[in-house]
Amino acid sequence: MKSWQVQEAKARFSELLRAAADDGPQLVSHHGKPAAMVVPYAQWQRLQQRQPHDLKALLRSPRARGELALPARGRLRSRTPPTFA
């Protein structure tokens, strides 16, 4: 994966797009820090299909639970309400 400075990416945008299509994702950095990733559109679509778009779907998915062993639920115990003097 090649890293491009913002100025270079702007000046050679067509080459950046070709590199993403031919060689895969391309990193664009700003002041030496990663700022953006240019990926081929087909790869972006695959990534979007794999990930749920909302938190509820993520939490309900099997991969959110992993290998967490949860104890069986028991009977609920009622709490005594606090008394105020």
PDB file of N, CA and C in Angstrom:
ATOM      1  N   MET A   1       0.857  -1.167   0.000  1.00  0.00           N
ATOM      2  CA  MET A   1       0.000   0.000   0.000  1.00  0.00           C
ATOM      3  C   MET A   1       0.900   1.226   0.000  1.00  0.00           C
ATOM      4  N   LYS A   2       0.607   2.110  -0.910  1.00  0.00           N
ATOM      5  CA  LYS A   2       1.378   3.345  -1.020  1.00  0.00           C
ATOM      6  C   LYS A   2       0.734   4.435  -0.180  1.00  0.00           C
ATOM      7  N   SER A   3       1.577   5.298   0.366  1.00  0.00           N
ATOM      8  CA  SER A   3       1.095   6.445   1.121  1.00  0.00           C
ATOM      9  C   SER A   3       1.300   7.706   0.287  1.00  0.00           C
ATOM     10  N   TRP A   4       0.282   8.530   0.221  1.00  0.00           N
ATOM     11  CA  TRP A   4       0.325   9.770  -0.558  1.00  0.00           C
ATOM     12  C   TRP A   4       0.149  10.956   0.382  1.00  0.00           C
ATOM     13  N   GLN A   5       0.925  12.008   0.195  1.00  0.00           N
ATOM     14  CA  GLN A   5       0.673  13.265   0.887  1.00  0.00           C
ATOM     15  C   GLN A   5      -0.521  13.934   0.216  1.00  0.00           C
ATOM     16  N   VAL A   6      -1.261  14.744   0.945  1.00  0.00           N
ATOM     17  CA  VAL A   6      -2.453  15.392   0.400  1.00  0.00           C
ATOM     18  C   VAL A   6      -2.119  16.171  -0.872  1.00  0.00           C
ATOM     19  N   GLN A   7      -1.033  16.933  -0.854  1.00  0.00           N
ATOM     20  CA  GLN A   7      -0.671  17.737  -2.022  1.00  0.00           C
ATOM     21  C   GLN A   7      -0.422  16.857  -3.239  1.00  0.00           C
ATOM     22  N   GLU A   8       0.280  15.748  -3.033  1.00  0.00           N
ATOM     23  CA  GLU A   8       0.574  14.816  -4.122  1.00  0.00           C
ATOM     24  C   GLU A   8      -0.710  14.156  -4.625  1.00  0.00           C
ATOM     25  N   ALA A   9      -1.596  13.781  -3.700  1.00  0.00           N
ATOM     26  CA  ALA A   9      -2.856  13.135  -4.077  1.00  0.00           C
ATOM     27  C   ALA A   9      -3.725  14.091  -4.898  1.00  0.00           C
ATOM     28  N   LYS A  10      -3.750  15.367  -4.518  1.00  0.00           N
ATOM     29  CA  LYS A  10      -4.527  16.352  -5.272  1.00  0.00           C
ATOM     30  C   LYS A  10      -3.947  16.566  -6.666  1.00  0.00           C
ATOM     31  N   ALA A  11      -2.635  16.672  -6.747  1.00  0.00           N
ATOM     32  CA  ALA A  11      -1.986  16.935  -8.034  1.00  0.00           C
ATOM     33  C   ALA A  11      -2.069  15.741  -8.977  1.00  0.00           C
ATOM     34  N   ARG A  12      -2.095  14.534  -8.428  1.00  0.00           N
ATOM     35  CA  ARG A  12      -2.070  13.320  -9.258  1.00  0.00           C
ATOM     36  C   ARG A  12      -3.271  12.440  -8.954  1.00  0.00           C
ATOM     37  N   PHE A  13      -4.451  13.050  -8.869  1.00  0.00           N
ATOM     38  CA  PHE A  13      -5.664  12.345  -8.459  1.00  0.00           C
ATOM     39  C   PHE A  13      -5.993  11.157  -9.361  1.00  0.00           C
ATOM     40  N   SER A  14      -5.881  11.327 -10.669  1.00  0.00           N
ATOM     41  CA  SER A  14      -6.175  10.222 -11.599  1.00  0.00           C
ATOM     42  C   SER A  14      -5.248   9.039 -11.346  1.00  0.00           C
ATOM     43  N   GLU A  15      -3.984   9.336 -11.075  1.00  0.00           N
ATOM     44  CA  GLU A  15      -3.021   8.265 -10.787  1.00  0.00           C
ATOM     45  C   GLU A  15      -3.362   7.580  -9.454  1.00  0.00           C
ATOM     46  N   LEU A  16      -3.818   8.353  -8.491  1.00  0.00           N
ATOM     47  CA  LEU A  16      -4.246   7.791  -7.203  1.00  0.00           C
ATOM     48  C   LEU A  16      -5.411   6.823  -7.398  1.00  0.00           C
ATOM     49  N   LEU A  17      -6.380   7.214  -8.217  1.00  0.00           N
ATOM     50  CA  LEU A  17      -7.525   6.342  -8.491  1.00  0.00           C
ATOM     51  C   LEU A  17      -7.095   5.072  -9.220  1.00  0.00           C
ATOM     52  N   ARG A  18      -6.209   5.213 -10.191  1.00  0.00           N
ATOM     53  CA  ARG A  18      -5.712   4.029 -10.912  1.00  0.00           C
ATOM     54  C   ARG A  18      -4.959   3.098  -9.965  1.00  0.00           C
ATOM     55  N   ALA A  19      -4.137   3.664  -9.089  1.00  0.00           N
ATOM     56  CA  ALA A  19      -3.378   2.842  -8.131  1.00  0.00           C
ATOM     57  C   ALA A  19      -4.328   2.100  -7.191  1.00  0.00           C
ATOM     58  N   ALA A  20      -5.392   2.752  -6.770  1.00  0.00           N
ATOM     59  CA  ALA A  20      -6.365   2.080  -5.898  1.00  0.00           C
ATOM     60  C   ALA A  20      -7.030   0.925  -6.630  1.00  0.00           C
ATOM     61  N   ALA A  21      -7.380   1.130  -7.897  1.00  0.00           N
ATOM     62  CA  ALA A  21      -8.032   0.076  -8.682  1.00  0.00           C
ATOM     63  C   ALA A  21      -7.075  -1.076  -8.967  1.00  0.00           C
ATOM     64  N   ASP A  22      -5.821  -0.771  -9.256  1.00  0.00           N
ATOM     65  CA  ASP A  22      -4.852  -1.805  -9.650  1.00  0.00           C
ATOM     66  C   ASP A  22      -4.149  -2.464  -8.458  1.00  0.00           C
ATOM     67  N   ASP A  23      -3.757  -1.662  -7.475  1.00  0.00           N
ATOM     68  CA  ASP A  23      -2.910  -2.154  -6.393  1.00  0.00           C
ATOM     69  C   ASP A  23      -3.622  -2.288  -5.053  1.00  0.00           C
ATOM     70  N   GLY A  24      -4.864  -1.815  -4.953  1.00  0.00           N
ATOM     71  CA  GLY A  24      -5.588  -1.895  -3.687  1.00  0.00           C
ATOM     72  C   GLY A  24      -5.610  -0.568  -2.956  1.00  0.00           C
ATOM     73  N   PRO A  25      -6.022  -0.575  -1.706  1.00  0.00           N
ATOM     74  CA  PRO A  25      -6.198   0.656  -0.931  1.00  0.00           C
ATOM     75  C   PRO A  25      -4.948   1.537  -0.916  1.00  0.00           C
ATOM     76  N   GLN A  26      -5.183   2.842  -0.942  1.00  0.00           N
ATOM     77  CA  GLN A  26      -4.117   3.833  -0.927  1.00  0.00           C
ATOM     78  C   GLN A  26      -4.349   4.776   0.247  1.00  0.00           C
ATOM     79  N   LEU A  27      -3.319   5.009   1.035  1.00  0.00           N
ATOM     80  CA  LEU A  27      -3.403   5.865   2.214  1.00  0.00           C
ATOM     81  C   LEU A  27      -3.053   7.299   1.843  1.00  0.00           C
ATOM     82  N   VAL A  28      -3.873   8.245   2.273  1.00  0.00           N
ATOM     83  CA  VAL A  28      -3.590   9.662   2.079  1.00  0.00           C
ATOM     84  C   VAL A  28      -3.318  10.250   3.454  1.00  0.00           C
ATOM     85  N   SER A  29      -2.164  10.917   3.595  1.00  0.00           N
ATOM     86  CA  SER A  29      -1.808  11.479   4.899  1.00  0.00           C
ATOM     87  C   SER A  29      -1.729  12.996   4.826  1.00  0.00           C
ATOM     88  N   HIS A  30      -1.980  13.609   5.977  1.00  0.00           N
ATOM     89  CA  HIS A  30      -1.955  15.063   6.095  1.00  0.00           C
ATOM     90  C   HIS A  30      -1.030  15.409   7.259  1.00  0.00           C
ATOM     91  N   HIS A  31       0.028  16.129   6.981  1.00  0.00           N
ATOM     92  CA  HIS A  31       1.046  16.462   7.983  1.00  0.00           C
ATOM     93  C   HIS A  31       1.606  15.198   8.630  1.00  0.00           C
ATOM     94  N   GLY A  32       1.798  14.158   7.828  1.00  0.00           N
ATOM     95  CA  GLY A  32       2.404  12.928   8.315  1.00  0.00           C
ATOM     96  C   GLY A  32       1.478  11.988   9.073  1.00  0.00           C
ATOM     97  N   LYS A  33       0.213  12.372   9.232  1.00  0.00           N
ATOM     98  CA  LYS A  33      -0.739  11.520   9.950  1.00  0.00           C
ATOM     99  C   LYS A  33      -1.772  10.983   8.973  1.00  0.00           C
ATOM    100  N   PRO A  34      -2.173   9.710   9.110  1.00  0.00           N
ATOM    101  CA  PRO A  34      -3.194   9.150   8.215  1.00  0.00           C
ATOM    102  C   PRO A  34      -4.467   9.985   8.260  1.00  0.00           C
ATOM    103  N   ALA A  35      -4.989  10.332   7.064  1.00  0.00           N
ATOM    104  CA  ALA A  35      -6.186  11.170   6.997  1.00  0.00           C
ATOM    105  C   ALA A  35      -7.327  10.477   6.261  1.00  0.00           C
ATOM    106  N   ALA A  36      -6.999   9.683   5.253  1.00  0.00           N
ATOM    107  CA  ALA A  36      -8.053   9.049   4.457  1.00  0.00           C
ATOM    108  C   ALA A  36      -7.493   7.810   3.769  1.00  0.00           C
ATOM    109  N   MET A  37      -8.415   6.951   3.353  1.00  0.00           N
ATOM    110  CA  MET A  37      -8.046   5.755   2.612  1.00  0.00           C
ATOM    111  C   MET A  37      -8.875   5.734   1.340  1.00  0.00           C
ATOM    112  N   VAL A  38      -8.225   5.562   0.208  1.00  0.00           N
ATOM    113  CA  VAL A  38      -8.920   5.450  -1.076  1.00  0.00           C
ATOM    114  C   VAL A  38      -8.943   3.974  -1.431  1.00  0.00           C
ATOM    115  N   VAL A  39     -10.154   3.415  -1.538  1.00  0.00           N
ATOM    116  CA  VAL A  39     -10.305   1.996  -1.854  1.00  0.00           C
ATOM    117  C   VAL A  39     -11.147   1.848  -3.113  1.00  0.00           C
ATOM    118  N   PRO A  40     -10.954   0.764  -3.863  1.00  0.00           N
ATOM    119  CA  PRO A  40     -11.810   0.525  -5.026  1.00  0.00           C
ATOM    120  C   PRO A  40     -13.272   0.409  -4.595  1.00  0.00           C
ATOM    121  N   TYR A  41     -14.187   0.858  -5.435  1.00  0.00           N
ATOM    122  CA  TYR A  41     -15.605   0.883  -5.093  1.00  0.00           C
ATOM    123  C   TYR A  41     -16.136  -0.517  -4.782  1.00  0.00           C
ATOM    124  N   ALA A  42     -15.716  -1.523  -5.523  1.00  0.00           N
ATOM    125  CA  ALA A  42     -16.190  -2.893  -5.279  1.00  0.00           C
ATOM    126  C   ALA A  42     -15.795  -3.361  -3.879  1.00  0.00           C
ATOM    127  N   GLN A  43     -14.603  -3.013  -3.443  1.00  0.00           N
ATOM    128  CA  GLN A  43     -14.157  -3.389  -2.097  1.00  0.00           C
ATOM    129  C   GLN A  43     -14.972  -2.638  -1.044  1.00  0.00           C
ATOM    130  N   TRP A  44     -15.270  -1.390  -1.279  1.00  0.00           N
ATOM    131  CA  TRP A  44     -16.097  -0.597  -0.363  1.00  0.00           C
ATOM    132  C   TRP A  44     -17.481  -1.226  -0.204  1.00  0.00           C
ATOM    133  N   GLN A  45     -18.076  -1.663  -1.326  1.00  0.00           N
ATOM    134  CA  GLN A  45     -19.390  -2.306  -1.264  1.00  0.00           C
ATOM    135  C   GLN A  45     -19.344  -3.576  -0.427  1.00  0.00           C
ATOM    136  N   ARG A  46     -18.300  -4.393  -0.590  1.00  0.00           N
ATOM    137  CA  ARG A  46     -18.171  -5.616   0.202  1.00  0.00           C
ATOM    138  C   ARG A  46     -18.065  -5.295   1.694  1.00  0.00           C
ATOM    139  N   LEU A  47     -17.306  -4.270   2.025  1.00  0.00           N
ATOM    140  CA  LEU A  47     -17.159  -3.883   3.425  1.00  0.00           C
ATOM    141  C   LEU A  47     -18.485  -3.401   4.002  1.00  0.00           C
ATOM    142  N   GLN A  48     -19.264  -2.672   3.233  1.00  0.00           N
ATOM    143  CA  GLN A  48     -20.534  -2.159   3.709  1.00  0.00           C
ATOM    144  C   GLN A  48     -21.542  -3.281   3.930  1.00  0.00           C
ATOM    145  N   GLN A  49     -21.505  -4.308   3.108  1.00  0.00           N
ATOM    146  CA  GLN A  49     -22.450  -5.409   3.247  1.00  0.00           C
ATOM    147  C   GLN A  49     -22.139  -6.267   4.465  1.00  0.00           C
ATOM    148  N   ARG A  50     -20.880  -6.331   4.864  1.00  0.00           N
ATOM    149  CA  ARG A  50     -20.486  -7.174   5.986  1.00  0.00           C
ATOM    150  C   ARG A  50     -20.816  -6.570   7.331  1.00  0.00           C
ATOM    151  N   GLN A  51     -20.887  -5.275   7.429  1.00  0.00           N
ATOM    152  CA  GLN A  51     -21.057  -4.638   8.723  1.00  0.00           C
ATOM    153  C   GLN A  51     -22.475  -4.122   8.897  1.00  0.00           C
ATOM    154  N   PRO A  52     -23.065  -4.372  10.060  1.00  0.00           N
ATOM    155  CA  PRO A  52     -24.397  -3.823  10.317  1.00  0.00           C
ATOM    156  C   PRO A  52     -24.331  -2.293  10.351  1.00  0.00           C
ATOM    157  N   HIS A  53     -25.428  -1.665   9.971  1.00  0.00           N
ATOM    158  CA  HIS A  53     -25.442  -0.214   9.897  1.00  0.00           C
ATOM    159  C   HIS A  53     -25.979   0.434  11.166  1.00  0.00           C
ATOM    160  N   ASP A  54     -26.401  -0.366  12.121  1.00  0.00           N
ATOM    161  CA  ASP A  54     -26.872   0.255  13.349  1.00  0.00           C
ATOM    162  C   ASP A  54     -26.422  -0.565  14.553  1.00  0.00           C
ATOM    163  N   LEU A  55     -26.387   0.070  15.691  1.00  0.00           N
ATOM    164  CA  LEU A  55     -25.895  -0.560  16.904  1.00  0.00           C
ATOM    165  C   LEU A  55     -26.753  -1.749  17.328  1.00  0.00           C
ATOM    166  N   LYS A  56     -28.060  -1.621  17.183  1.00  0.00           N
ATOM    167  CA  LYS A  56     -28.956  -2.711  17.582  1.00  0.00           C
ATOM    168  C   LYS A  56     -28.649  -3.986  16.787  1.00  0.00           C
ATOM    169  N   ALA A  57     -28.458  -3.863  15.483  1.00  0.00           N
ATOM    170  CA  ALA A  57     -28.144  -5.036  14.655  1.00  0.00           C
ATOM    171  C   ALA A  57     -26.796  -5.629  15.048  1.00  0.00           C
ATOM    172  N   LEU A  58     -25.838  -4.776  15.361  1.00  0.00           N
ATOM    173  CA  LEU A  58     -24.523  -5.265  15.771  1.00  0.00           C
ATOM    174  C   LEU A  58     -24.620  -6.049  17.074  1.00  0.00           C
ATOM    175  N   LEU A  59     -25.332  -5.503  18.047  1.00  0.00           N
ATOM    176  CA  LEU A  59     -25.430  -6.171  19.339  1.00  0.00           C
ATOM    177  C   LEU A  59     -26.230  -7.466  19.269  1.00  0.00           C
ATOM    178  N   ARG A  60     -27.175  -7.551  18.346  1.00  0.00           N
ATOM    179  CA  ARG A  60     -27.976  -8.764  18.219  1.00  0.00           C
ATOM    180  C   ARG A  60     -27.307  -9.820  17.351  1.00  0.00           C
ATOM    181  N   SER A  61     -26.241  -9.460  16.648  1.00  0.00           N
ATOM    182  CA  SER A  61     -25.580 -10.414  15.758  1.00  0.00           C
ATOM    183  C   SER A  61     -24.778 -11.436  16.570  1.00  0.00           C
ATOM    184  N   PRO A  62     -24.617 -12.645  16.046  1.00  0.00           N
ATOM    185  CA  PRO A  62     -23.869 -13.688  16.767  1.00  0.00           C
ATOM    186  C   PRO A  62     -22.419 -13.307  17.030  1.00  0.00           C
ATOM    187  N   ARG A  63     -21.798 -12.556  16.134  1.00  0.00           N
ATOM    188  CA  ARG A  63     -20.387 -12.234  16.348  1.00  0.00           C
ATOM    189  C   ARG A  63     -20.192 -11.232  17.485  1.00  0.00           C
ATOM    190  N   ALA A  64     -21.231 -10.518  17.890  1.00  0.00           N
ATOM    191  CA  ALA A  64     -21.106  -9.596  19.018  1.00  0.00           C
ATOM    192  C   ALA A  64     -20.963 -10.364  20.322  1.00  0.00           C
ATOM    193  N   ARG A  65     -21.532 -11.555  20.389  1.00  0.00           N
ATOM    194  CA  ARG A  65     -21.484 -12.349  21.615  1.00  0.00           C
ATOM    195  C   ARG A  65     -20.169 -13.105  21.758  1.00  0.00           C
ATOM    196  N   GLY A  66     -19.589 -13.504  20.657  1.00  0.00           N
ATOM    197  CA  GLY A  66     -18.327 -14.225  20.709  1.00  0.00           C
ATOM    198  C   GLY A  66     -18.441 -15.499  21.507  1.00  0.00           C
ATOM    199  N   GLU A  67     -17.471 -15.761  22.337  1.00  0.00           N
ATOM    200  CA  GLU A  67     -17.429 -16.977  23.146  1.00  0.00           C
ATOM    201  C   GLU A  67     -17.743 -16.683  24.609  1.00  0.00           C
ATOM    202  N   LEU A  68     -18.504 -15.662  24.863  1.00  0.00           N
ATOM    203  CA  LEU A  68     -18.830 -15.276  26.233  1.00  0.00           C
ATOM    204  C   LEU A  68     -19.819 -16.263  26.828  1.00  0.00           C
ATOM    205  N   ALA A  69     -19.431 -16.903  27.925  1.00  0.00           N
ATOM    206  CA  ALA A  69     -20.311 -17.864  28.597  1.00  0.00           C
ATOM    207  C   ALA A  69     -21.153 -17.113  29.621  1.00  0.00           C
ATOM    208  N   LEU A  70     -22.440 -17.091  29.410  1.00  0.00           N
ATOM    209  CA  LEU A  70     -23.344 -16.406  30.321  1.00  0.00           C
ATOM    210  C   LEU A  70     -24.015 -17.419  31.234  1.00  0.00           C
ATOM    211  N   PRO A  71     -24.114 -17.119  32.540  1.00  0.00           N
ATOM    212  CA  PRO A  71     -24.786 -18.048  33.452  1.00  0.00           C
ATOM    213  C   PRO A  71     -26.284 -18.053  33.179  1.00  0.00           C
ATOM    214  N   ALA A  72     -26.921 -19.143  33.543  1.00  0.00           N
ATOM    215  CA  ALA A  72     -28.370 -19.244  33.362  1.00  0.00           C
ATOM    216  C   ALA A  72     -29.055 -18.212  34.235  1.00  0.00           C
ATOM    217  N   ARG A  73     -30.161 -17.687  33.741  1.00  0.00           N
ATOM    218  CA  ARG A  73     -30.901 -16.693  34.509  1.00  0.00           C
ATOM    219  C   ARG A  73     -31.687 -17.380  35.616  1.00  0.00           C
ATOM    220  N   GLY A  74     -31.639 -16.812  36.782  1.00  0.00           N
ATOM    221  CA  GLY A  74     -32.372 -17.352  37.918  1.00  0.00           C
ATOM    222  C   GLY A  74     -33.644 -16.555  38.154  1.00  0.00           C
ATOM    223  N   ARG A  75     -34.292 -16.874  39.229  1.00  0.00           N
ATOM    224  CA  ARG A  75     -35.513 -16.141  39.563  1.00  0.00           C
ATOM    225  C   ARG A  75     -35.126 -14.765  40.085  1.00  0.00           C
ATOM    226  N   LEU A  76     -35.934 -13.796  39.737  1.00  0.00           N
ATOM    227  CA  LEU A  76     -35.668 -12.445  40.194  1.00  0.00           C
ATOM    228  C   LEU A  76     -36.023 -12.314  41.670  1.00  0.00           C
ATOM    229  N   ARG A  77     -35.199 -11.627  42.384  1.00  0.00           N
ATOM    230  CA  ARG A  77     -35.478 -11.358  43.787  1.00  0.00           C
ATOM    231  C   ARG A  77     -35.923  -9.909  43.902  1.00  0.00           C
ATOM    232  N   SER A  78     -36.928  -9.700  44.706  1.00  0.00           N
ATOM    233  CA  SER A  78     -37.381  -8.329  44.870  1.00  0.00           C
ATOM    234  C   SER A  78     -36.522  -7.648  45.910  1.00  0.00           C
ATOM    235  N   ARG A  79     -36.278  -6.390  45.706  1.00  0.00           N
ATOM    236  CA  ARG A  79     -35.509  -5.625  46.653  1.00  0.00           C
ATOM    237  C   ARG A  79     -36.451  -4.933  47.618  1.00  0.00           C
ATOM    238  N   THR A  80     -35.978  -4.737  48.827  1.00  0.00           N
ATOM    239  CA  THR A  80     -36.787  -3.960  49.767  1.00  0.00           C
ATOM    240  C   THR A  80     -36.499  -2.491  49.512  1.00  0.00           C
ATOM    241  N   PRO A  81     -37.533  -1.700  49.436  1.00  0.00           N
ATOM    242  CA  PRO A  81     -37.309  -0.285  49.154  1.00  0.00           C
ATOM    243  C   PRO A  81     -36.613   0.384  50.347  1.00  0.00           C
ATOM    244  N   PRO A  82     -35.802   1.387  50.066  1.00  0.00           N
ATOM    245  CA  PRO A  82     -35.122   2.084  51.173  1.00  0.00           C
ATOM    246  C   PRO A  82     -36.134   2.857  52.008  1.00  0.00           C
ATOM    247  N   THR A  83     -35.836   2.966  53.275  1.00  0.00           N
ATOM    248  CA  THR A  83     -36.701   3.736  54.166  1.00  0.00           C
ATOM    249  C   THR A  83     -36.013   5.055  54.496  1.00  0.00           C
ATOM    250  N   PHE A  84     -36.784   6.094  54.479  1.00  0.00           N
ATOM    251  CA  PHE A  84     -36.236   7.410  54.782  1.00  0.00           C
ATOM    252  C   PHE A  84     -36.861   7.895  56.090  1.00  0.00           C
ATOM    253  N   ALA A  85     -36.023   8.395  56.953  1.00  0.00           N
ATOM    254  CA  ALA A  85     -36.522   8.856  58.248  1.00  0.00           C
ATOM    255  C   ALA A  85     -36.957  10.305  58.208  1.00  0.00           C
TER     256      ALA A  85
END
